[in-house]
């Protein structure tokens, strides 16, 4: 990655949280400016608390303790003298040998944020609750989880060796799913 590239220009980060720790599936810690292997280990072992505002700690802990179903959370992270808003889609998955792991994606949505604090977010959510339900917004919300699973699985399949005809089909599915994701985000605005 060039030194002029920023975090927000990176694609979605896919991750897996298991008994082996938190692993990036499509990127390495070295792809992020200011992140070293030692710093990454410190963040994973509890140092994240100094990067995430206290009012969001319960959300991050809820994510780490997810045992069934899926969740979508959004929280800010203080990183390199800036606030970065992360949107996390995560799902609990049973491992073949027993136990569980959490798989998901993280995306920098800082440029889409209009609020900068938990209280402003609460005010926004309260305003939304007072408005009549919007079936389009409900649909966008309902489809975002399965769409994330499609994107994650396509990304994982594209990392595997496979015949060119299969790879082309997976790349087509991935491309179309990305277009759907873009269209859904435009509908939410």
C-alpha atoms as a PDB file:
ATOM      1  CA  UNK A   1       0.000   0.000   0.000  1.00  0.00           C
ATOM      2  CA  UNK A   2       1.333   3.409  -0.857  1.00  0.00           C
ATOM      3  CA  UNK A   3       1.988   5.908   1.905  1.00  0.00           C
ATOM      4  CA  UNK A   4      -0.595   8.262   0.418  1.00  0.00           C
ATOM      5  CA  UNK A   5      -3.400   5.729   0.643  1.00  0.00           C
ATOM      6  CA  UNK A   6      -5.727   6.165   3.612  1.00  0.00           C
ATOM      7  CA  UNK A   7      -7.765   3.719   5.635  1.00  0.00           C
ATOM      8  CA  UNK A   8     -11.010   4.796   4.027  1.00  0.00           C
ATOM      9  CA  UNK A   9      -9.666   3.930   0.588  1.00  0.00           C
ATOM     10  CA  UNK A  10      -9.190   0.306   1.653  1.00  0.00           C
ATOM     11  CA  UNK A  11     -11.948  -2.167   0.804  1.00  0.00           C
ATOM     12  CA  UNK A  12     -14.093  -3.954   3.355  1.00  0.00           C
ATOM     13  CA  UNK A  13     -12.044  -5.905   5.905  1.00  0.00           C
ATOM     14  CA  UNK A  14     -13.225  -9.485   6.508  1.00  0.00           C
ATOM     15  CA  UNK A  15     -12.392 -11.038   9.872  1.00  0.00           C
ATOM     16  CA  UNK A  16     -12.737 -14.186  11.939  1.00  0.00           C
ATOM     17  CA  UNK A  17     -12.775 -14.315  15.745  1.00  0.00           C
ATOM     18  CA  UNK A  18     -12.188 -17.765  17.193  1.00  0.00           C
ATOM     19  CA  UNK A  19     -10.254 -19.518  19.922  1.00  0.00           C
ATOM     20  CA  UNK A  20      -7.167 -18.734  17.816  1.00  0.00           C
ATOM     21  CA  UNK A  21      -7.766 -14.997  18.202  1.00  0.00           C
ATOM     22  CA  UNK A  22      -8.871 -12.279  15.814  1.00  0.00           C
ATOM     23  CA  UNK A  23      -7.649 -12.867  12.270  1.00  0.00           C
ATOM     24  CA  UNK A  24      -7.949 -10.676   9.187  1.00  0.00           C
ATOM     25  CA  UNK A  25      -9.082 -12.806   6.244  1.00  0.00           C
ATOM     26  CA  UNK A  26      -8.398 -10.507   3.303  1.00  0.00           C
ATOM     27  CA  UNK A  27      -5.796  -8.117   4.736  1.00  0.00           C
ATOM     28  CA  UNK A  28      -2.896  -8.126   7.161  1.00  0.00           C
ATOM     29  CA  UNK A  29      -2.246  -5.732  10.038  1.00  0.00           C
ATOM     30  CA  UNK A  30       0.606  -4.263   7.988  1.00  0.00           C
ATOM     31  CA  UNK A  31      -1.910  -2.917   5.436  1.00  0.00           C
ATOM     32  CA  UNK A  32      -3.046  -0.250   7.908  1.00  0.00           C
ATOM     33  CA  UNK A  33      -1.014   2.916   8.519  1.00  0.00           C
ATOM     34  CA  UNK A  34       0.364   3.114  12.044  1.00  0.00           C
ATOM     35  CA  UNK A  35      -0.409  -0.509  12.924  1.00  0.00           C
ATOM     36  CA  UNK A  36       2.444  -2.810  13.897  1.00  0.00           C
ATOM     37  CA  UNK A  37       2.240  -6.433  14.965  1.00  0.00           C
ATOM     38  CA  UNK A  38       2.903  -5.497  18.615  1.00  0.00           C
ATOM     39  CA  UNK A  39       0.324  -2.715  18.536  1.00  0.00           C
ATOM     40  CA  UNK A  40      -2.210  -5.103  16.964  1.00  0.00           C
ATOM     41  CA  UNK A  41      -1.629  -7.661  19.742  1.00  0.00           C
ATOM     42  CA  UNK A  42      -2.052  -4.902  22.345  1.00  0.00           C
ATOM     43  CA  UNK A  43      -5.326  -3.771  20.771  1.00  0.00           C
ATOM     44  CA  UNK A  44      -6.620  -7.341  20.665  1.00  0.00           C
ATOM     45  CA  UNK A  45      -5.669  -7.978  24.303  1.00  0.00           C
ATOM     46  CA  UNK A  46      -7.698  -5.053  25.627  1.00  0.00           C
ATOM     47  CA  UNK A  47      -5.979  -1.976  24.266  1.00  0.00           C
ATOM     48  CA  UNK A  48      -9.061  -1.347  22.108  1.00  0.00           C
ATOM     49  CA  UNK A  49     -10.662   0.268  25.190  1.00  0.00           C
ATOM     50  CA  UNK A  50      -8.397   3.285  24.780  1.00  0.00           C
ATOM     51  CA  UNK A  51      -9.357   3.602  21.090  1.00  0.00           C
ATOM     52  CA  UNK A  52     -13.151   3.248  21.444  1.00  0.00           C
ATOM     53  CA  UNK A  53     -15.175   5.789  23.475  1.00  0.00           C
ATOM     54  CA  UNK A  54     -16.447   4.283  26.733  1.00  0.00           C
ATOM     55  CA  UNK A  55     -20.124   4.593  25.779  1.00  0.00           C
ATOM     56  CA  UNK A  56     -19.473   2.075  22.957  1.00  0.00           C
ATOM     57  CA  UNK A  57     -17.539  -0.513  25.014  1.00  0.00           C
ATOM     58  CA  UNK A  58     -20.661  -2.605  25.623  1.00  0.00           C
ATOM     59  CA  UNK A  59     -21.307  -2.777  21.854  1.00  0.00           C
ATOM     60  CA  UNK A  60     -17.781  -4.057  21.163  1.00  0.00           C
ATOM     61  CA  UNK A  61     -18.067  -6.569  24.017  1.00  0.00           C
ATOM     62  CA  UNK A  62     -21.465  -7.729  22.710  1.00  0.00           C
ATOM     63  CA  UNK A  63     -19.831  -8.349  19.347  1.00  0.00           C
ATOM     64  CA  UNK A  64     -17.036 -10.427  20.900  1.00  0.00           C
ATOM     65  CA  UNK A  65     -19.562 -12.505  22.868  1.00  0.00           C
ATOM     66  CA  UNK A  66     -21.942 -13.178  19.963  1.00  0.00           C
ATOM     67  CA  UNK A  67     -22.929 -16.849  20.176  1.00  0.00           C
ATOM     68  CA  UNK A  68     -25.965 -17.159  17.857  1.00  0.00           C
ATOM     69  CA  UNK A  69     -27.409 -15.182  14.976  1.00  0.00           C
ATOM     70  CA  UNK A  70     -25.904 -12.010  13.621  1.00  0.00           C
ATOM     71  CA  UNK A  71     -25.503  -8.375  14.583  1.00  0.00           C
ATOM     72  CA  UNK A  72     -24.753  -5.063  12.956  1.00  0.00           C
ATOM     73  CA  UNK A  73     -23.049  -2.403  15.054  1.00  0.00           C
ATOM     74  CA  UNK A  74     -21.439   0.939  14.402  1.00  0.00           C
ATOM     75  CA  UNK A  75     -18.914   2.655  16.641  1.00  0.00           C
ATOM     76  CA  UNK A  76     -16.132   5.236  16.459  1.00  0.00           C
ATOM     77  CA  UNK A  77     -12.437   4.492  16.865  1.00  0.00           C
ATOM     78  CA  UNK A  78      -9.818   7.127  17.634  1.00  0.00           C
ATOM     79  CA  UNK A  79      -6.968   6.388  15.243  1.00  0.00           C
ATOM     80  CA  UNK A  80      -3.991   8.527  14.255  1.00  0.00           C
ATOM     81  CA  UNK A  81      -5.498  11.777  15.568  1.00  0.00           C
ATOM     82  CA  UNK A  82      -8.813  11.202  13.776  1.00  0.00           C
ATOM     83  CA  UNK A  83     -12.146   9.583  14.519  1.00  0.00           C
ATOM     84  CA  UNK A  84     -12.983   6.681  12.222  1.00  0.00           C
ATOM     85  CA  UNK A  85     -16.507   5.249  12.254  1.00  0.00           C
ATOM     86  CA  UNK A  86     -16.643   1.498  11.705  1.00  0.00           C
ATOM     87  CA  UNK A  87     -19.668  -0.465  10.523  1.00  0.00           C
ATOM     88  CA  UNK A  88     -19.422  -4.113  11.584  1.00  0.00           C
ATOM     89  CA  UNK A  89     -21.535  -6.975  10.243  1.00  0.00           C
ATOM     90  CA  UNK A  90     -20.922 -10.163  12.232  1.00  0.00           C
ATOM     91  CA  UNK A  91     -22.415 -13.644  12.447  1.00  0.00           C
ATOM     92  CA  UNK A  92     -21.840 -16.504  14.868  1.00  0.00           C
ATOM     93  CA  UNK A  93     -20.886 -19.730  13.107  1.00  0.00           C
ATOM     94  CA  UNK A  94     -20.357 -23.212  14.513  1.00  0.00           C
ATOM     95  CA  UNK A  95     -16.928 -24.678  13.870  1.00  0.00           C
ATOM     96  CA  UNK A  96     -16.738 -28.177  12.333  1.00  0.00           C
ATOM     97  CA  UNK A  97     -15.036 -29.697  15.397  1.00  0.00           C
ATOM     98  CA  UNK A  98     -17.388 -27.996  17.852  1.00  0.00           C
ATOM     99  CA  UNK A  99     -17.262 -24.591  19.398  1.00  0.00           C
ATOM    100  CA  UNK A 100     -18.014 -21.339  17.628  1.00  0.00           C
ATOM    101  CA  UNK A 101     -16.392 -18.528  15.770  1.00  0.00           C
ATOM    102  CA  UNK A 102     -17.542 -15.121  14.647  1.00  0.00           C
ATOM    103  CA  UNK A 103     -17.096 -14.086  11.037  1.00  0.00           C
ATOM    104  CA  UNK A 104     -17.883 -10.725   9.567  1.00  0.00           C
ATOM    105  CA  UNK A 105     -16.813  -7.573   7.871  1.00  0.00           C
ATOM    106  CA  UNK A 106     -15.697  -4.119   8.949  1.00  0.00           C
ATOM    107  CA  UNK A 107     -16.077  -1.038   6.806  1.00  0.00           C
ATOM    108  CA  UNK A 108     -14.970   2.554   7.349  1.00  0.00           C
ATOM    109  CA  UNK A 109     -18.153   4.642   7.045  1.00  0.00           C
ATOM    110  CA  UNK A 110     -16.712   7.892   8.380  1.00  0.00           C
ATOM    111  CA  UNK A 111     -17.611   9.824   5.253  1.00  0.00           C
ATOM    112  CA  UNK A 112     -21.250   8.734   5.604  1.00  0.00           C
ATOM    113  CA  UNK A 113     -21.577   9.841   9.230  1.00  0.00           C
ATOM    114  CA  UNK A 114     -23.499  12.990  10.070  1.00  0.00           C
ATOM    115  CA  UNK A 115     -23.143  12.687  13.835  1.00  0.00           C
ATOM    116  CA  UNK A 116     -20.022  12.440  15.967  1.00  0.00           C
ATOM    117  CA  UNK A 117     -21.169  11.392  19.416  1.00  0.00           C
ATOM    118  CA  UNK A 118     -23.321   8.754  21.064  1.00  0.00           C
ATOM    119  CA  UNK A 119     -25.756  11.410  22.300  1.00  0.00           C
ATOM    120  CA  UNK A 120     -26.197  12.770  18.766  1.00  0.00           C
ATOM    121  CA  UNK A 121     -26.736   9.202  17.550  1.00  0.00           C
ATOM    122  CA  UNK A 122     -29.358   8.666  20.277  1.00  0.00           C
ATOM    123  CA  UNK A 123     -31.127  11.879  19.199  1.00  0.00           C
ATOM    124  CA  UNK A 124     -31.068  10.694  15.601  1.00  0.00           C
ATOM    125  CA  UNK A 125     -32.464   7.261  16.524  1.00  0.00           C
ATOM    126  CA  UNK A 126     -35.195   8.873  18.630  1.00  0.00           C
ATOM    127  CA  UNK A 127     -36.194  11.052  15.677  1.00  0.00           C
ATOM    128  CA  UNK A 128     -36.288   7.987  13.426  1.00  0.00           C
ATOM    129  CA  UNK A 129     -38.496   6.108  15.905  1.00  0.00           C
ATOM    130  CA  UNK A 130     -40.983   8.993  15.905  1.00  0.00           C
ATOM    131  CA  UNK A 131     -41.318   8.813  12.128  1.00  0.00           C
ATOM    132  CA  UNK A 132     -43.569   6.288  10.407  1.00  0.00           C
ATOM    133  CA  UNK A 133     -41.921   2.983   9.469  1.00  0.00           C
ATOM    134  CA  UNK A 134     -40.288   3.021   6.052  1.00  0.00           C
ATOM    135  CA  UNK A 135     -40.618  -0.323   4.234  1.00  0.00           C
ATOM    136  CA  UNK A 136     -37.652   0.473   1.973  1.00  0.00           C
ATOM    137  CA  UNK A 137     -35.402   1.144   4.969  1.00  0.00           C
ATOM    138  CA  UNK A 138     -36.691  -2.012   6.666  1.00  0.00           C
ATOM    139  CA  UNK A 139     -35.914  -4.022   3.527  1.00  0.00           C
ATOM    140  CA  UNK A 140     -32.407  -2.530   3.296  1.00  0.00           C
ATOM    141  CA  UNK A 141     -31.777  -3.442   6.921  1.00  0.00           C
ATOM    142  CA  UNK A 142     -33.139  -6.984   6.523  1.00  0.00           C
ATOM    143  CA  UNK A 143     -31.094  -7.748   3.421  1.00  0.00           C
ATOM    144  CA  UNK A 144     -27.785  -6.310   4.682  1.00  0.00           C
ATOM    145  CA  UNK A 145     -26.933  -9.387   6.825  1.00  0.00           C
ATOM    146  CA  UNK A 146     -27.390 -12.010   4.093  1.00  0.00           C
ATOM    147  CA  UNK A 147     -25.675  -9.728   1.568  1.00  0.00           C
ATOM    148  CA  UNK A 148     -22.648  -9.452   3.855  1.00  0.00           C
ATOM    149  CA  UNK A 149     -22.528 -13.254   4.096  1.00  0.00           C
ATOM    150  CA  UNK A 150     -22.571 -13.502   0.288  1.00  0.00           C
ATOM    151  CA  UNK A 151     -19.732 -10.980  -0.031  1.00  0.00           C
ATOM    152  CA  UNK A 152     -17.687 -12.689   2.692  1.00  0.00           C
ATOM    153  CA  UNK A 153     -18.101 -16.152   1.174  1.00  0.00           C
ATOM    154  CA  UNK A 154     -17.267 -14.901  -2.329  1.00  0.00           C
ATOM    155  CA  UNK A 155     -14.110 -13.245  -1.010  1.00  0.00           C
ATOM    156  CA  UNK A 156     -13.087 -16.471   0.728  1.00  0.00           C
ATOM    157  CA  UNK A 157     -13.832 -18.570  -2.382  1.00  0.00           C
ATOM    158  CA  UNK A 158     -11.769 -16.247  -4.584  1.00  0.00           C
ATOM    159  CA  UNK A 159      -8.752 -16.857  -2.347  1.00  0.00           C
ATOM    160  CA  UNK A 160      -8.930 -20.608  -3.112  1.00  0.00           C
ATOM    161  CA  UNK A 161      -7.523 -22.338  -6.181  1.00  0.00           C
ATOM    162  CA  UNK A 162     -10.308 -23.239  -8.585  1.00  0.00           C
ATOM    163  CA  UNK A 163     -10.950 -23.658 -12.314  1.00  0.00           C
ATOM    164  CA  UNK A 164     -11.230 -20.430 -14.303  1.00  0.00           C
ATOM    165  CA  UNK A 165     -14.897 -21.046 -15.128  1.00  0.00           C
ATOM    166  CA  UNK A 166     -15.757 -21.348 -11.424  1.00  0.00           C
ATOM    167  CA  UNK A 167     -13.675 -18.283 -10.535  1.00  0.00           C
ATOM    168  CA  UNK A 168     -15.482 -16.252 -13.220  1.00  0.00           C
ATOM    169  CA  UNK A 169     -18.858 -17.245 -11.765  1.00  0.00           C
ATOM    170  CA  UNK A 170     -17.785 -16.351  -8.213  1.00  0.00           C
ATOM    171  CA  UNK A 171     -16.356 -13.025  -9.407  1.00  0.00           C
ATOM    172  CA  UNK A 172     -19.649 -12.292 -11.183  1.00  0.00           C
ATOM    173  CA  UNK A 173     -21.623 -13.054  -8.012  1.00  0.00           C
ATOM    174  CA  UNK A 174     -19.234 -10.872  -5.994  1.00  0.00           C
ATOM    175  CA  UNK A 175     -19.494  -8.005  -8.472  1.00  0.00           C
ATOM    176  CA  UNK A 176     -23.295  -8.142  -8.553  1.00  0.00           C
ATOM    177  CA  UNK A 177     -23.470  -8.347  -4.747  1.00  0.00           C
ATOM    178  CA  UNK A 178     -21.225  -5.264  -4.473  1.00  0.00           C
ATOM    179  CA  UNK A 179     -23.571  -3.431  -6.852  1.00  0.00           C
ATOM    180  CA  UNK A 180     -26.578  -4.424  -4.718  1.00  0.00           C
ATOM    181  CA  UNK A 181     -24.720  -3.214  -1.609  1.00  0.00           C
ATOM    182  CA  UNK A 182     -24.010   0.129  -3.313  1.00  0.00           C
ATOM    183  CA  UNK A 183     -27.646   0.464  -4.416  1.00  0.00           C
ATOM    184  CA  UNK A 184     -28.882  -0.311  -0.887  1.00  0.00           C
ATOM    185  CA  UNK A 185     -26.584   2.335   0.581  1.00  0.00           C
ATOM    186  CA  UNK A 186     -27.954   4.879  -1.896  1.00  0.00           C
ATOM    187  CA  UNK A 187     -31.520   3.965  -0.883  1.00  0.00           C
ATOM    188  CA  UNK A 188     -30.678   4.602   2.780  1.00  0.00           C
ATOM    189  CA  UNK A 189     -29.661   8.218   2.117  1.00  0.00           C
END
